[in-house]
Amino acid sequence: MYLVYIDESGNTGLNLKDTEQPVFIMAAIIVDQLKWFSLEKEFLEIAVRYFGRPLPDPFHVQAKELKSGRGLFSKLCFEEQLSFRDEMLNLLYANNIPVIYRRIIKFKFSEFCEFHYGPGIKVNPYIMALPFVCMEVDHYIKSQGSDKLGMLIFDEQKENYDAAERSLKTLRLDRASILKTERIIEKGFFVDSQKSFALQLVDIAAYYIRKYEEYKLGFRVSKYDAQTFEIVEKLTTTGTGSRTSDVLEWVKNNWAK
């Protein structure tokens, strides 16, 4: 079994004109069940080095709080915050954890919605991105040459629950759809990210992947965010990582044919 943890960054719902977060990213990390325990052990060892024992309860790592030094991270100095960030990203790389993502440029997506569905009609990028991430996860699992299946695990946010269920239903049941999966079990599981170290890891990865993509598109990013780009590139282009094309580029090249 593969445990597939999914999270997003830059989610502003139907507000597709947000200049502060111009890019939406949905990311997934794929953890072989045989690696799960050792990955959790290493995660906790890093956490203890920075926060001591016992760890704060709840111990909830969120990229936005890490970036701003709020909440849990108010106890760390700025250099420690950066170091913790880098250790979390390197944890994924050192364990050869596949990182898969899809990007949506919001202003282009807004134009796409208006062109195809009419003025004033908007679609949440979450709904659009999820099937494509699932397809890429499915492709990865099949490429491993075993009969293992993937189980999708999401943060239990109510606003995303219904969207995820609709997308997964399309992947399972809509025979007319060209979006198909074969190795993902029929239902996603929604858990409290405070209780899932892997969801916290993918939250950090998604945030800095978004910053990396914004930088590539010419948007301004801080020099501290830019420090992560080398490891982001390694995570998404080497080993078992997978950088995937923009969702709208895929639609243009495949759906319209």
C-alpha atoms as a PDB file:
ATOM      1  CA  MET A   1       0.000   0.000   0.000  1.00  0.00           C
ATOM      2  CA  TYR A   2       1.092   3.540  -0.761  1.00  0.00           C
ATOM      3  CA  LEU A   3      -0.087   6.309   1.550  1.00  0.00           C
ATOM      4  CA  VAL A   4      -0.679   9.400  -0.592  1.00  0.00           C
ATOM      5  CA  TYR A   5      -0.872  12.645   1.384  1.00  0.00           C
ATOM      6  CA  ILE A   6      -2.386  15.602  -0.466  1.00  0.00           C
ATOM      7  CA  ASP A   7      -2.468  19.291   0.387  1.00  0.00           C
ATOM      8  CA  GLU A   8      -2.620  22.584  -1.436  1.00  0.00           C
ATOM      9  CA  SER A   9      -1.135  26.063  -1.226  1.00  0.00           C
ATOM     10  CA  GLY A  10      -2.518  29.327  -2.545  1.00  0.00           C
ATOM     11  CA  ASN A  11      -6.117  28.242  -2.093  1.00  0.00           C
ATOM     12  CA  THR A  12      -8.298  31.361  -2.209  1.00  0.00           C
ATOM     13  CA  GLY A  13     -11.415  29.543  -3.346  1.00  0.00           C
ATOM     14  CA  LEU A  14     -13.260  31.358  -6.116  1.00  0.00           C
ATOM     15  CA  ASN A  15     -11.177  34.505  -5.697  1.00  0.00           C
ATOM     16  CA  LEU A  16      -9.053  34.045  -8.817  1.00  0.00           C
ATOM     17  CA  LYS A  17      -7.826  37.664  -8.901  1.00  0.00           C
ATOM     18  CA  ASP A  18      -5.750  37.468  -5.718  1.00  0.00           C
ATOM     19  CA  THR A  19      -2.476  39.232  -6.507  1.00  0.00           C
ATOM     20  CA  GLU A  20      -0.902  38.087  -3.230  1.00  0.00           C
ATOM     21  CA  GLN A  21      -1.326  34.426  -4.154  1.00  0.00           C
ATOM     22  CA  PRO A  22      -1.414  34.284  -7.964  1.00  0.00           C
ATOM     23  CA  VAL A  23      -0.660  30.559  -8.191  1.00  0.00           C
ATOM     24  CA  PHE A  24      -2.541  27.547  -6.845  1.00  0.00           C
ATOM     25  CA  ILE A  25      -0.531  24.409  -6.136  1.00  0.00           C
ATOM     26  CA  MET A  26      -1.810  20.955  -5.259  1.00  0.00           C
ATOM     27  CA  ALA A  27       0.907  18.594  -4.126  1.00  0.00           C
ATOM     28  CA  ALA A  28       1.121  14.952  -3.078  1.00  0.00           C
ATOM     29  CA  ILE A  29       3.790  12.914  -1.351  1.00  0.00           C
ATOM     30  CA  ILE A  30       3.750   9.145  -1.836  1.00  0.00           C
ATOM     31  CA  VAL A  31       4.885   7.117   1.167  1.00  0.00           C
ATOM     32  CA  ASP A  32       5.323   3.373   0.891  1.00  0.00           C
ATOM     33  CA  GLN A  33       3.760   1.847   3.994  1.00  0.00           C
ATOM     34  CA  LEU A  34       7.107   0.191   4.718  1.00  0.00           C
ATOM     35  CA  LYS A  35       8.714   3.651   5.026  1.00  0.00           C
ATOM     36  CA  TRP A  36       5.995   5.241   7.110  1.00  0.00           C
ATOM     37  CA  PHE A  37       7.326   4.368  10.557  1.00  0.00           C
ATOM     38  CA  SER A  38      10.932   5.379   9.861  1.00  0.00           C
ATOM     39  CA  LEU A  39       9.785   8.657   8.286  1.00  0.00           C
ATOM     40  CA  GLU A  40       7.686   9.484  11.343  1.00  0.00           C
ATOM     41  CA  LYS A  41      10.610   8.593  13.618  1.00  0.00           C
ATOM     42  CA  GLU A  42      12.949  10.977  11.765  1.00  0.00           C
ATOM     43  CA  PHE A  43      10.289  13.721  11.757  1.00  0.00           C
ATOM     44  CA  LEU A  44       9.918  13.453  15.536  1.00  0.00           C
ATOM     45  CA  GLU A  45      13.691  13.381  16.081  1.00  0.00           C
ATOM     46  CA  ILE A  46      14.011  16.687  14.197  1.00  0.00           C
ATOM     47  CA  ALA A  47      11.095  18.177  16.131  1.00  0.00           C
ATOM     48  CA  VAL A  48      12.602  17.195  19.498  1.00  0.00           C
ATOM     49  CA  ARG A  49      15.929  18.819  18.613  1.00  0.00           C
ATOM     50  CA  TYR A  50      14.165  22.158  18.151  1.00  0.00           C
ATOM     51  CA  PHE A  51      11.359  21.971  20.709  1.00  0.00           C
ATOM     52  CA  GLY A  52      12.568  19.486  23.326  1.00  0.00           C
ATOM     53  CA  ARG A  53      10.612  16.842  25.202  1.00  0.00           C
ATOM     54  CA  PRO A  54       7.764  16.597  25.650  1.00  0.00           C
ATOM     55  CA  LEU A  55       6.705  18.152  22.374  1.00  0.00           C
ATOM     56  CA  PRO A  56       3.969  20.793  22.529  1.00  0.00           C
ATOM     57  CA  ASP A  57       0.485  19.263  22.322  1.00  0.00           C
ATOM     58  CA  PRO A  58      -0.808  19.634  19.729  1.00  0.00           C
ATOM     59  CA  PHE A  59       2.375  19.713  17.663  1.00  0.00           C
ATOM     60  CA  HIS A  60       1.171  21.173  14.383  1.00  0.00           C
ATOM     61  CA  VAL A  61       3.653  22.329  11.760  1.00  0.00           C
ATOM     62  CA  GLN A  62       2.109  24.759   9.270  1.00  0.00           C
ATOM     63  CA  ALA A  63       4.093  26.444   6.516  1.00  0.00           C
ATOM     64  CA  LYS A  64       2.458  29.844   7.014  1.00  0.00           C
ATOM     65  CA  GLU A  65       3.229  29.904  10.734  1.00  0.00           C
ATOM     66  CA  LEU A  66       6.756  28.667  10.073  1.00  0.00           C
ATOM     67  CA  LYS A  67       7.245  31.429   7.501  1.00  0.00           C
ATOM     68  CA  SER A  68       5.900  34.169   9.777  1.00  0.00           C
ATOM     69  CA  GLY A  69       7.346  32.866  13.042  1.00  0.00           C
ATOM     70  CA  ARG A  70       3.910  32.698  14.681  1.00  0.00           C
ATOM     71  CA  GLY A  71       2.364  30.082  16.935  1.00  0.00           C
ATOM     72  CA  LEU A  72       4.602  27.122  17.582  1.00  0.00           C
ATOM     73  CA  PHE A  73       7.550  28.840  15.895  1.00  0.00           C
ATOM     74  CA  SER A  74       7.471  31.980  18.020  1.00  0.00           C
ATOM     75  CA  LYS A  75       9.702  30.024  20.419  1.00  0.00           C
ATOM     76  CA  LEU A  76      12.478  29.723  17.821  1.00  0.00           C
ATOM     77  CA  CYS A  77      14.808  32.440  16.616  1.00  0.00           C
ATOM     78  CA  PHE A  78      14.729  33.331  12.918  1.00  0.00           C
ATOM     79  CA  GLU A  79      17.801  31.236  12.054  1.00  0.00           C
ATOM     80  CA  GLU A  80      16.263  28.224  13.809  1.00  0.00           C
ATOM     81  CA  GLN A  81      13.040  28.678  11.861  1.00  0.00           C
ATOM     82  CA  LEU A  82      14.949  28.596   8.572  1.00  0.00           C
ATOM     83  CA  SER A  83      16.958  25.594   9.691  1.00  0.00           C
ATOM     84  CA  PHE A  84      13.819  23.693  10.720  1.00  0.00           C
ATOM     85  CA  ARG A  85      12.234  24.467   7.335  1.00  0.00           C
ATOM     86  CA  ASP A  86      15.261  23.140   5.483  1.00  0.00           C
ATOM     87  CA  GLU A  87      15.434  19.984   7.573  1.00  0.00           C
ATOM     88  CA  MET A  88      11.779  19.226   6.835  1.00  0.00           C
ATOM     89  CA  LEU A  89      12.287  19.583   3.079  1.00  0.00           C
ATOM     90  CA  ASN A  90      15.503  17.581   3.172  1.00  0.00           C
ATOM     91  CA  LEU A  91      13.710  14.854   5.113  1.00  0.00           C
ATOM     92  CA  LEU A  92      11.584  14.163   2.040  1.00  0.00           C
ATOM     93  CA  TYR A  93      14.576  14.198  -0.278  1.00  0.00           C
ATOM     94  CA  ALA A  94      16.781  12.010   1.918  1.00  0.00           C
ATOM     95  CA  ASN A  95      14.048   9.369   2.119  1.00  0.00           C
ATOM     96  CA  ASN A  96      13.456   9.429  -1.647  1.00  0.00           C
ATOM     97  CA  ILE A  97       9.783  10.344  -1.173  1.00  0.00           C
ATOM     98  CA  PRO A  98       8.073  11.111  -4.505  1.00  0.00           C
ATOM     99  CA  VAL A  99       6.639  14.628  -4.649  1.00  0.00           C
ATOM    100  CA  ILE A 100       4.038  15.250  -7.333  1.00  0.00           C
ATOM    101  CA  TYR A 101       2.228  18.494  -8.002  1.00  0.00           C
ATOM    102  CA  ARG A 102       0.039  20.447 -10.381  1.00  0.00           C
ATOM    103  CA  ARG A 103       0.021  24.190 -10.891  1.00  0.00           C
ATOM    104  CA  ILE A 104      -2.824  26.520 -11.825  1.00  0.00           C
ATOM    105  CA  ILE A 105      -2.101  30.150 -12.714  1.00  0.00           C
ATOM    106  CA  LYS A 106      -5.228  31.800 -11.363  1.00  0.00           C
ATOM    107  CA  PHE A 107      -5.723  34.678 -13.796  1.00  0.00           C
ATOM    108  CA  LYS A 108      -5.384  32.269 -16.734  1.00  0.00           C
ATOM    109  CA  PHE A 109      -7.786  29.879 -15.048  1.00  0.00           C
ATOM    110  CA  SER A 110     -10.272  32.738 -14.590  1.00  0.00           C
ATOM    111  CA  GLU A 111     -10.084  33.475 -18.329  1.00  0.00           C
ATOM    112  CA  PHE A 112     -10.502  29.770 -19.073  1.00  0.00           C
ATOM    113  CA  CYS A 113     -13.665  29.595 -16.941  1.00  0.00           C
ATOM    114  CA  GLU A 114     -15.190  32.670 -18.564  1.00  0.00           C
ATOM    115  CA  PHE A 115     -14.404  31.410 -22.075  1.00  0.00           C
ATOM    116  CA  HIS A 116     -15.808  27.912 -21.530  1.00  0.00           C
ATOM    117  CA  TYR A 117     -18.600  28.533 -19.019  1.00  0.00           C
ATOM    118  CA  GLY A 118     -19.576  32.173 -19.521  1.00  0.00           C
ATOM    119  CA  PRO A 119     -19.028  35.470 -17.647  1.00  0.00           C
ATOM    120  CA  GLY A 120     -19.295  35.244 -13.891  1.00  0.00           C
ATOM    121  CA  ILE A 121     -18.935  31.464 -13.782  1.00  0.00           C
ATOM    122  CA  LYS A 122     -15.990  30.303 -11.710  1.00  0.00           C
ATOM    123  CA  VAL A 123     -14.636  26.906 -10.719  1.00  0.00           C
ATOM    124  CA  ASN A 124     -12.588  26.263  -7.603  1.00  0.00           C
ATOM    125  CA  PRO A 125      -9.030  25.374  -8.713  1.00  0.00           C
ATOM    126  CA  TYR A 126      -9.068  22.595  -6.108  1.00  0.00           C
ATOM    127  CA  ILE A 127     -11.713  20.734  -8.121  1.00  0.00           C
ATOM    128  CA  MET A 128      -9.750  21.146 -11.340  1.00  0.00           C
ATOM    129  CA  ALA A 129      -6.347  20.164  -9.967  1.00  0.00           C
ATOM    130  CA  LEU A 130      -7.198  17.085  -7.918  1.00  0.00           C
ATOM    131  CA  PRO A 131      -7.977  14.678 -10.802  1.00  0.00           C
ATOM    132  CA  PHE A 132      -4.693  15.530 -12.501  1.00  0.00           C
ATOM    133  CA  VAL A 133      -2.687  14.942  -9.340  1.00  0.00           C
ATOM    134  CA  CYS A 134      -4.507  11.636  -8.877  1.00  0.00           C
ATOM    135  CA  MET A 135      -3.722  10.602 -12.444  1.00  0.00           C
ATOM    136  CA  GLU A 136      -0.028  11.291 -11.920  1.00  0.00           C
ATOM    137  CA  VAL A 137      -0.058   9.376  -8.620  1.00  0.00           C
ATOM    138  CA  ASP A 138      -1.762   6.479 -10.378  1.00  0.00           C
ATOM    139  CA  HIS A 139       0.891   6.551 -13.117  1.00  0.00           C
ATOM    140  CA  TYR A 140       3.667   6.473 -10.525  1.00  0.00           C
ATOM    141  CA  ILE A 141       2.164   3.517  -8.663  1.00  0.00           C
ATOM    142  CA  LYS A 142       1.747   1.525 -11.876  1.00  0.00           C
ATOM    143  CA  SER A 143       5.323   2.319 -12.865  1.00  0.00           C
ATOM    144  CA  GLN A 144       6.597   0.560  -9.736  1.00  0.00           C
ATOM    145  CA  GLY A 145       5.611  -2.810 -11.171  1.00  0.00           C
ATOM    146  CA  SER A 146       3.694  -4.171  -8.205  1.00  0.00           C
ATOM    147  CA  ASP A 147       0.047  -4.740  -7.329  1.00  0.00           C
ATOM    148  CA  LYS A 148       0.067  -2.140  -4.570  1.00  0.00           C
ATOM    149  CA  LEU A 149      -2.744   0.398  -4.347  1.00  0.00           C
ATOM    150  CA  GLY A 150      -2.700   4.025  -3.257  1.00  0.00           C
ATOM    151  CA  MET A 151      -4.809   5.415  -0.417  1.00  0.00           C
ATOM    152  CA  LEU A 152      -5.477   9.168  -0.576  1.00  0.00           C
ATOM    153  CA  ILE A 153      -5.265  11.108   2.681  1.00  0.00           C
ATOM    154  CA  PHE A 154      -6.422  14.729   2.953  1.00  0.00           C
ATOM    155  CA  ASP A 155      -6.570  17.352   5.665  1.00  0.00           C
ATOM    156  CA  GLU A 156     -10.113  17.313   7.013  1.00  0.00           C
ATOM    157  CA  GLN A 157     -11.185  20.775   5.867  1.00  0.00           C
ATOM    158  CA  LYS A 158     -14.940  20.836   5.237  1.00  0.00           C
ATOM    159  CA  GLU A 159     -14.676  23.294   2.365  1.00  0.00           C
ATOM    160  CA  ASN A 160     -12.520  20.818   0.426  1.00  0.00           C
ATOM    161  CA  TYR A 161     -14.294  17.614   1.429  1.00  0.00           C
ATOM    162  CA  ASP A 162     -17.187  17.841  -1.021  1.00  0.00           C
ATOM    163  CA  ALA A 163     -14.902  18.994  -3.845  1.00  0.00           C
ATOM    164  CA  ALA A 164     -12.563  16.053  -3.300  1.00  0.00           C
ATOM    165  CA  GLU A 165     -15.411  13.553  -3.172  1.00  0.00           C
ATOM    166  CA  ARG A 166     -16.863  14.830  -6.449  1.00  0.00           C
ATOM    167  CA  SER A 167     -13.502  14.640  -8.185  1.00  0.00           C
ATOM    168  CA  LEU A 168     -12.788  11.127  -6.901  1.00  0.00           C
ATOM    169  CA  LYS A 169     -16.230   9.970  -8.002  1.00  0.00           C
ATOM    170  CA  THR A 170     -15.452  11.171 -11.533  1.00  0.00           C
ATOM    171  CA  LEU A 171     -12.202   9.225 -11.525  1.00  0.00           C
ATOM    172  CA  ARG A 172     -14.002   6.054 -10.420  1.00  0.00           C
ATOM    173  CA  LEU A 173     -17.327   6.106 -12.197  1.00  0.00           C
ATOM    174  CA  ASP A 174     -17.609   8.525 -15.121  1.00  0.00           C
ATOM    175  CA  ARG A 175     -17.058   6.360 -18.181  1.00  0.00           C
ATOM    176  CA  ALA A 176     -17.131   9.388 -20.469  1.00  0.00           C
ATOM    177  CA  SER A 177     -14.259  11.064 -18.670  1.00  0.00           C
ATOM    178  CA  ILE A 178     -10.720  10.789 -20.034  1.00  0.00           C
ATOM    179  CA  LEU A 179      -9.434  11.152 -16.473  1.00  0.00           C
ATOM    180  CA  LYS A 180      -9.035   7.616 -15.158  1.00  0.00           C
ATOM    181  CA  THR A 181      -7.203   5.890 -12.332  1.00  0.00           C
ATOM    182  CA  GLU A 182      -6.698   2.193 -11.677  1.00  0.00           C
ATOM    183  CA  ARG A 183      -4.505   1.934  -8.575  1.00  0.00           C
ATOM    184  CA  ILE A 184      -6.219   4.366  -6.207  1.00  0.00           C
ATOM    185  CA  ILE A 185      -8.758   2.923  -3.782  1.00  0.00           C
ATOM    186  CA  GLU A 186     -12.286   4.140  -4.097  1.00  0.00           C
ATOM    187  CA  LYS A 187     -12.500   6.715  -1.330  1.00  0.00           C
ATOM    188  CA  GLY A 188     -10.284   9.420   0.104  1.00  0.00           C
ATOM    189  CA  PHE A 189      -9.666   9.594   3.854  1.00  0.00           C
ATOM    190  CA  PHE A 190      -9.828  12.883   5.734  1.00  0.00           C
ATOM    191  CA  VAL A 191      -7.803  13.276   8.914  1.00  0.00           C
ATOM    192  CA  ASP A 192      -6.839  16.064  11.269  1.00  0.00           C
ATOM    193  CA  SER A 193      -3.489  17.381  10.041  1.00  0.00           C
ATOM    194  CA  GLN A 194      -2.511  18.060  13.691  1.00  0.00           C
ATOM    195  CA  LYS A 195      -2.315  14.281  14.060  1.00  0.00           C
ATOM    196  CA  SER A 196      -0.506  13.537  10.801  1.00  0.00           C
ATOM    197  CA  PHE A 197       3.191  14.319  10.428  1.00  0.00           C
ATOM    198  CA  ALA A 198       3.023  13.456   6.716  1.00  0.00           C
ATOM    199  CA  LEU A 199       0.262  15.999   6.050  1.00  0.00           C
ATOM    200  CA  GLN A 200       2.409  18.581   7.802  1.00  0.00           C
ATOM    201  CA  LEU A 201       5.328  17.660   5.530  1.00  0.00           C
ATOM    202  CA  VAL A 202       3.291  18.020   2.355  1.00  0.00           C
ATOM    203  CA  ASP A 203       1.944  21.355   3.621  1.00  0.00           C
ATOM    204  CA  ILE A 204       5.517  22.667   3.810  1.00  0.00           C
ATOM    205  CA  ALA A 205       6.431  21.190   0.425  1.00  0.00           C
ATOM    206  CA  ALA A 206       3.354  22.666  -1.276  1.00  0.00           C
ATOM    207  CA  TYR A 207       4.049  26.136   0.135  1.00  0.00           C
ATOM    208  CA  TYR A 208       7.611  26.315  -1.154  1.00  0.00           C
ATOM    209  CA  ILE A 209       6.725  24.705  -4.464  1.00  0.00           C
ATOM    210  CA  ARG A 210       4.227  27.540  -4.867  1.00  0.00           C
ATOM    211  CA  LYS A 211       6.907  30.114  -4.135  1.00  0.00           C
ATOM    212  CA  TYR A 212       9.184  28.415  -6.647  1.00  0.00           C
ATOM    213  CA  GLU A 213       6.492  28.501  -9.331  1.00  0.00           C
ATOM    214  CA  GLU A 214       5.681  32.145  -8.597  1.00  0.00           C
ATOM    215  CA  TYR A 215       9.362  32.969  -8.990  1.00  0.00           C
ATOM    216  CA  LYS A 216       9.524  31.175 -12.346  1.00  0.00           C
ATOM    217  CA  LEU A 217       6.546  33.231 -13.542  1.00  0.00           C
ATOM    218  CA  GLY A 218       8.271  36.495 -12.625  1.00  0.00           C
ATOM    219  CA  PHE A 219       6.477  37.249  -9.378  1.00  0.00           C
ATOM    220  CA  ARG A 220       8.473  38.676  -6.508  1.00  0.00           C
ATOM    221  CA  VAL A 221       9.536  36.291  -3.749  1.00  0.00           C
ATOM    222  CA  SER A 222      11.671  36.880  -0.680  1.00  0.00           C
ATOM    223  CA  LYS A 223      15.330  35.925  -0.624  1.00  0.00           C
ATOM    224  CA  TYR A 224      14.547  33.546   2.227  1.00  0.00           C
ATOM    225  CA  ASP A 225      11.938  31.685   0.180  1.00  0.00           C
ATOM    226  CA  ALA A 226      14.430  31.543  -2.687  1.00  0.00           C
ATOM    227  CA  GLN A 227      16.836  29.665  -0.426  1.00  0.00           C
ATOM    228  CA  THR A 228      14.549  26.629  -0.712  1.00  0.00           C
ATOM    229  CA  PHE A 229      14.510  26.471  -4.498  1.00  0.00           C
ATOM    230  CA  GLU A 230      17.527  24.187  -4.832  1.00  0.00           C
ATOM    231  CA  ILE A 231      15.946  21.500  -2.677  1.00  0.00           C
ATOM    232  CA  VAL A 232      12.526  22.071  -4.292  1.00  0.00           C
ATOM    233  CA  GLU A 233      14.089  21.389  -7.682  1.00  0.00           C
ATOM    234  CA  LYS A 234      15.685  18.212  -6.348  1.00  0.00           C
ATOM    235  CA  LEU A 235      12.412  17.056  -4.831  1.00  0.00           C
ATOM    236  CA  THR A 236      10.445  17.559  -8.012  1.00  0.00           C
ATOM    237  CA  THR A 237      12.890  16.710 -10.788  1.00  0.00           C
ATOM    238  CA  THR A 238      15.251  13.992  -9.567  1.00  0.00           C
ATOM    239  CA  GLY A 239      14.924  10.465  -8.273  1.00  0.00           C
ATOM    240  CA  THR A 240      11.277   9.510  -8.004  1.00  0.00           C
ATOM    241  CA  GLY A 241      10.007  13.072  -7.959  1.00  0.00           C
ATOM    242  CA  SER A 242       7.769  14.294 -10.748  1.00  0.00           C
ATOM    243  CA  ARG A 243       7.293  17.827 -11.973  1.00  0.00           C
ATOM    244  CA  THR A 244       4.068  17.944 -13.941  1.00  0.00           C
ATOM    245  CA  SER A 245       2.828  20.495 -16.413  1.00  0.00           C
ATOM    246  CA  ASP A 246       0.349  23.244 -15.713  1.00  0.00           C
ATOM    247  CA  VAL A 247      -3.232  21.949 -15.562  1.00  0.00           C
ATOM    248  CA  LEU A 248      -4.457  24.289 -18.297  1.00  0.00           C
ATOM    249  CA  GLU A 249      -1.567  23.304 -20.538  1.00  0.00           C
ATOM    250  CA  TRP A 250      -2.609  19.673 -20.157  1.00  0.00           C
ATOM    251  CA  VAL A 251      -6.219  20.490 -20.926  1.00  0.00           C
ATOM    252  CA  LYS A 252      -5.175  22.435 -24.034  1.00  0.00           C
ATOM    253  CA  ASN A 253      -2.920  19.660 -25.295  1.00  0.00           C
ATOM    254  CA  ASN A 254      -5.142  16.685 -24.487  1.00  0.00           C
ATOM    255  CA  TRP A 255      -8.738  17.489 -23.643  1.00  0.00           C
ATOM    256  CA  ALA A 256      -9.413  19.531 -26.751  1.00  0.00           C
ATOM    257  CA  LYS A 257      -8.181  16.814 -29.139  1.00  0.00           C
END
